[in-house]
Amino acid sequence: MITPEIANQVLHHFNPSDGYPAGGFVTDLIALISKADPRNKARLAIGFGGHVQAVLLAQEEVDGIDRLKYIAAGDKVTR
């Protein structure tokens, strides 16, 4: 599930004027997920499912950023 916190962190990764920054580990994690190939994204999803969902939403869905903004505002939505 993508929580508002995850949505804000991923939004900030893709556009620093949106959301808010994550801590060091999560910042690196989001960057890693965004660069990973599908097989490694699937592996990362085992431990960090919400983060992977949020990055996929931002990268692959036409309205993904808008949906993340909706989630960041406090509403939980799954992919």
N, C-alpha and C. Protein backbone atom coordinates (compact mmCIF):
# COMPACT_ATOMS: atom_id res chain seq x y z
N MET A 1 0.84 -1.18 0.00
CA MET A 1 0.00 0.00 0.00
C MET A 1 0.89 1.24 0.00
N ILE A 2 0.47 2.22 -0.73
CA ILE A 2 1.18 3.49 -0.77
C ILE A 2 0.59 4.39 0.30
N THR A 3 1.38 4.72 1.29
CA THR A 3 0.93 5.61 2.36
C THR A 3 1.17 7.06 1.94
N PRO A 4 0.54 8.01 2.63
CA PRO A 4 0.82 9.42 2.34
C PRO A 4 2.31 9.76 2.47
N GLU A 5 2.98 9.19 3.45
CA GLU A 5 4.41 9.45 3.62
C GLU A 5 5.21 8.99 2.41
N ILE A 6 4.95 7.77 1.96
CA ILE A 6 5.66 7.25 0.78
C ILE A 6 5.34 8.11 -0.44
N ALA A 7 4.08 8.46 -0.62
CA ALA A 7 3.69 9.28 -1.77
C ALA A 7 4.44 10.61 -1.77
N ASN A 8 4.53 11.26 -0.62
CA ASN A 8 5.25 12.53 -0.53
C ASN A 8 6.72 12.36 -0.85
N GLN A 9 7.33 11.30 -0.37
CA GLN A 9 8.75 11.06 -0.62
C GLN A 9 9.02 10.79 -2.10
N VAL A 10 8.18 9.99 -2.73
CA VAL A 10 8.36 9.68 -4.15
C VAL A 10 8.06 10.91 -5.00
N LEU A 11 7.04 11.67 -4.66
CA LEU A 11 6.78 12.92 -5.38
C LEU A 11 7.99 13.83 -5.34
N HIS A 12 8.60 13.95 -4.17
CA HIS A 12 9.77 14.81 -4.03
C HIS A 12 10.94 14.30 -4.88
N HIS A 13 11.08 12.99 -5.00
CA HIS A 13 12.15 12.43 -5.83
C HIS A 13 11.99 12.86 -7.28
N PHE A 14 10.78 12.83 -7.79
CA PHE A 14 10.54 13.15 -9.19
C PHE A 14 10.40 14.65 -9.45
N ASN A 15 10.03 15.42 -8.43
CA ASN A 15 9.93 16.88 -8.56
C ASN A 15 10.14 17.49 -7.17
N PRO A 16 11.32 18.04 -6.91
CA PRO A 16 11.64 18.56 -5.58
C PRO A 16 10.69 19.64 -5.05
N SER A 17 9.85 20.23 -5.90
CA SER A 17 8.89 21.20 -5.40
C SER A 17 7.62 20.53 -4.86
N ASP A 18 7.50 19.22 -5.05
CA ASP A 18 6.36 18.46 -4.53
C ASP A 18 6.79 17.61 -3.35
N GLY A 19 5.85 17.27 -2.50
CA GLY A 19 6.12 16.36 -1.40
C GLY A 19 7.19 16.88 -0.46
N TYR A 20 7.88 15.94 0.17
CA TYR A 20 8.99 16.31 1.06
C TYR A 20 10.05 15.22 0.98
N PRO A 21 11.30 15.59 1.31
CA PRO A 21 12.39 14.63 1.16
C PRO A 21 12.33 13.51 2.19
N ALA A 22 12.81 12.37 1.76
CA ALA A 22 12.95 11.22 2.66
C ALA A 22 14.30 11.31 3.36
N GLY A 23 14.52 10.44 4.33
CA GLY A 23 15.82 10.33 4.97
C GLY A 23 16.82 9.68 4.02
N GLY A 24 18.05 9.59 4.44
CA GLY A 24 19.13 9.08 3.59
C GLY A 24 18.87 7.72 2.97
N PHE A 25 18.50 6.73 3.78
CA PHE A 25 18.28 5.39 3.26
C PHE A 25 17.13 5.36 2.26
N VAL A 26 16.02 5.97 2.63
CA VAL A 26 14.83 5.93 1.76
C VAL A 26 15.07 6.74 0.49
N THR A 27 15.81 7.83 0.58
CA THR A 27 16.17 8.58 -0.62
C THR A 27 16.94 7.70 -1.59
N ASP A 28 17.92 6.98 -1.07
CA ASP A 28 18.70 6.06 -1.91
C ASP A 28 17.84 4.92 -2.43
N LEU A 29 16.94 4.42 -1.60
CA LEU A 29 16.05 3.33 -2.00
C LEU A 29 15.16 3.76 -3.17
N ILE A 30 14.56 4.93 -3.08
CA ILE A 30 13.69 5.41 -4.15
C ILE A 30 14.49 5.61 -5.44
N ALA A 31 15.69 6.14 -5.32
CA ALA A 31 16.55 6.31 -6.51
C ALA A 31 16.88 4.95 -7.12
N LEU A 32 17.18 3.98 -6.28
CA LEU A 32 17.50 2.63 -6.76
C LEU A 32 16.30 2.00 -7.47
N ILE A 33 15.14 2.10 -6.86
CA ILE A 33 13.93 1.54 -7.47
C ILE A 33 13.67 2.20 -8.83
N SER A 34 13.85 3.51 -8.89
CA SER A 34 13.54 4.21 -10.14
C SER A 34 14.49 3.82 -11.27
N LYS A 35 15.67 3.31 -10.94
CA LYS A 35 16.65 2.89 -11.96
C LYS A 35 16.65 1.39 -12.22
N ALA A 36 15.97 0.64 -11.38
CA ALA A 36 16.02 -0.83 -11.47
C ALA A 36 15.25 -1.36 -12.68
N ASP A 37 15.72 -2.49 -13.20
CA ASP A 37 14.98 -3.18 -14.25
C ASP A 37 13.80 -3.91 -13.62
N PRO A 38 12.85 -4.37 -14.42
CA PRO A 38 11.64 -5.01 -13.86
C PRO A 38 11.94 -6.17 -12.91
N ARG A 39 12.91 -7.00 -13.22
CA ARG A 39 13.22 -8.14 -12.36
C ARG A 39 13.68 -7.68 -10.97
N ASN A 40 14.55 -6.68 -10.93
CA ASN A 40 15.04 -6.20 -9.65
C ASN A 40 13.99 -5.37 -8.91
N LYS A 41 13.10 -4.69 -9.65
CA LYS A 41 11.99 -4.01 -9.00
C LYS A 41 11.11 -5.03 -8.28
N ALA A 42 10.90 -6.17 -8.92
CA ALA A 42 10.10 -7.23 -8.29
C ALA A 42 10.77 -7.74 -7.02
N ARG A 43 12.06 -7.85 -7.04
CA ARG A 43 12.79 -8.29 -5.84
C ARG A 43 12.68 -7.24 -4.73
N LEU A 44 12.85 -5.99 -5.10
CA LEU A 44 12.75 -4.91 -4.10
C LEU A 44 11.33 -4.82 -3.52
N ALA A 45 10.34 -5.18 -4.31
CA ALA A 45 8.95 -5.12 -3.85
C ALA A 45 8.67 -6.08 -2.71
N ILE A 46 9.48 -7.12 -2.58
CA ILE A 46 9.28 -8.07 -1.49
C ILE A 46 9.40 -7.37 -0.14
N GLY A 47 10.36 -6.48 -0.02
CA GLY A 47 10.56 -5.77 1.25
C GLY A 47 10.03 -4.36 1.28
N PHE A 48 9.83 -3.77 0.10
CA PHE A 48 9.46 -2.36 0.02
C PHE A 48 8.33 -2.16 -1.00
N GLY A 49 7.26 -2.91 -0.81
CA GLY A 49 6.17 -2.92 -1.78
C GLY A 49 5.55 -1.57 -2.04
N GLY A 50 5.29 -0.81 -1.01
CA GLY A 50 4.67 0.51 -1.18
C GLY A 50 5.55 1.46 -1.96
N HIS A 51 6.84 1.40 -1.68
CA HIS A 51 7.78 2.27 -2.40
C HIS A 51 7.85 1.89 -3.88
N VAL A 52 7.90 0.59 -4.16
CA VAL A 52 7.95 0.15 -5.55
C VAL A 52 6.65 0.53 -6.26
N GLN A 53 5.51 0.33 -5.62
CA GLN A 53 4.23 0.72 -6.21
C GLN A 53 4.21 2.20 -6.56
N ALA A 54 4.69 3.02 -5.63
CA ALA A 54 4.67 4.47 -5.84
C ALA A 54 5.57 4.89 -7.00
N VAL A 55 6.76 4.29 -7.08
CA VAL A 55 7.68 4.62 -8.18
C VAL A 55 7.07 4.17 -9.51
N LEU A 56 6.51 2.96 -9.54
CA LEU A 56 5.87 2.49 -10.77
C LEU A 56 4.72 3.41 -11.18
N LEU A 57 3.95 3.85 -10.22
CA LEU A 57 2.85 4.76 -10.51
C LEU A 57 3.39 6.03 -11.16
N ALA A 58 4.45 6.59 -10.59
CA ALA A 58 5.04 7.82 -11.13
C ALA A 58 5.64 7.62 -12.51
N GLN A 59 6.27 6.48 -12.73
CA GLN A 59 6.98 6.24 -13.98
C GLN A 59 6.11 5.71 -15.11
N GLU A 60 5.08 4.96 -14.79
CA GLU A 60 4.39 4.20 -15.83
C GLU A 60 2.93 4.59 -16.08
N GLU A 61 2.34 5.34 -15.21
CA GLU A 61 0.93 5.70 -15.37
C GLU A 61 0.81 7.15 -15.82
N VAL A 62 -0.04 7.40 -16.79
CA VAL A 62 -0.23 8.75 -17.32
C VAL A 62 -0.62 9.72 -16.21
N ASP A 63 -1.49 9.28 -15.33
CA ASP A 63 -1.96 10.14 -14.23
C ASP A 63 -1.28 9.79 -12.91
N GLY A 64 -0.14 9.14 -12.98
CA GLY A 64 0.53 8.65 -11.77
C GLY A 64 0.91 9.73 -10.78
N ILE A 65 1.46 10.83 -11.27
CA ILE A 65 1.85 11.92 -10.36
C ILE A 65 0.62 12.51 -9.69
N ASP A 66 -0.44 12.70 -10.45
CA ASP A 66 -1.69 13.22 -9.86
C ASP A 66 -2.24 12.26 -8.81
N ARG A 67 -2.17 10.99 -9.07
CA ARG A 67 -2.65 10.00 -8.10
C ARG A 67 -1.79 10.01 -6.85
N LEU A 68 -0.47 10.17 -7.01
CA LEU A 68 0.40 10.26 -5.84
C LEU A 68 0.09 11.52 -5.02
N LYS A 69 -0.22 12.61 -5.69
CA LYS A 69 -0.59 13.84 -4.97
C LYS A 69 -1.87 13.62 -4.17
N TYR A 70 -2.81 12.89 -4.73
CA TYR A 70 -4.06 12.56 -4.04
C TYR A 70 -3.76 11.73 -2.78
N ILE A 71 -2.89 10.74 -2.93
CA ILE A 71 -2.51 9.89 -1.80
C ILE A 71 -1.76 10.72 -0.76
N ALA A 72 -0.86 11.58 -1.22
CA ALA A 72 -0.07 12.41 -0.31
C ALA A 72 -0.95 13.32 0.54
N ALA A 73 -2.09 13.68 0.00
CA ALA A 73 -3.02 14.54 0.74
C ALA A 73 -3.74 13.79 1.86
N GLY A 74 -3.54 12.47 1.92
CA GLY A 74 -4.12 11.72 3.02
C GLY A 74 -5.02 10.58 2.64
N ASP A 75 -5.21 10.36 1.36
CA ASP A 75 -6.07 9.27 0.91
C ASP A 75 -5.22 8.13 0.39
N LYS A 76 -5.48 6.92 0.86
CA LYS A 76 -4.71 5.75 0.45
C LYS A 76 -5.37 5.09 -0.76
N VAL A 77 -4.58 4.85 -1.78
CA VAL A 77 -5.05 4.21 -3.00
C VAL A 77 -4.02 3.18 -3.39
N THR A 78 -4.45 2.03 -3.87
CA THR A 78 -3.50 1.03 -4.35
C THR A 78 -3.54 1.01 -5.86
N ARG A 79 -2.51 0.46 -6.44
CA ARG A 79 -2.36 0.43 -7.90
C ARG A 79 -3.37 -0.45 -8.55
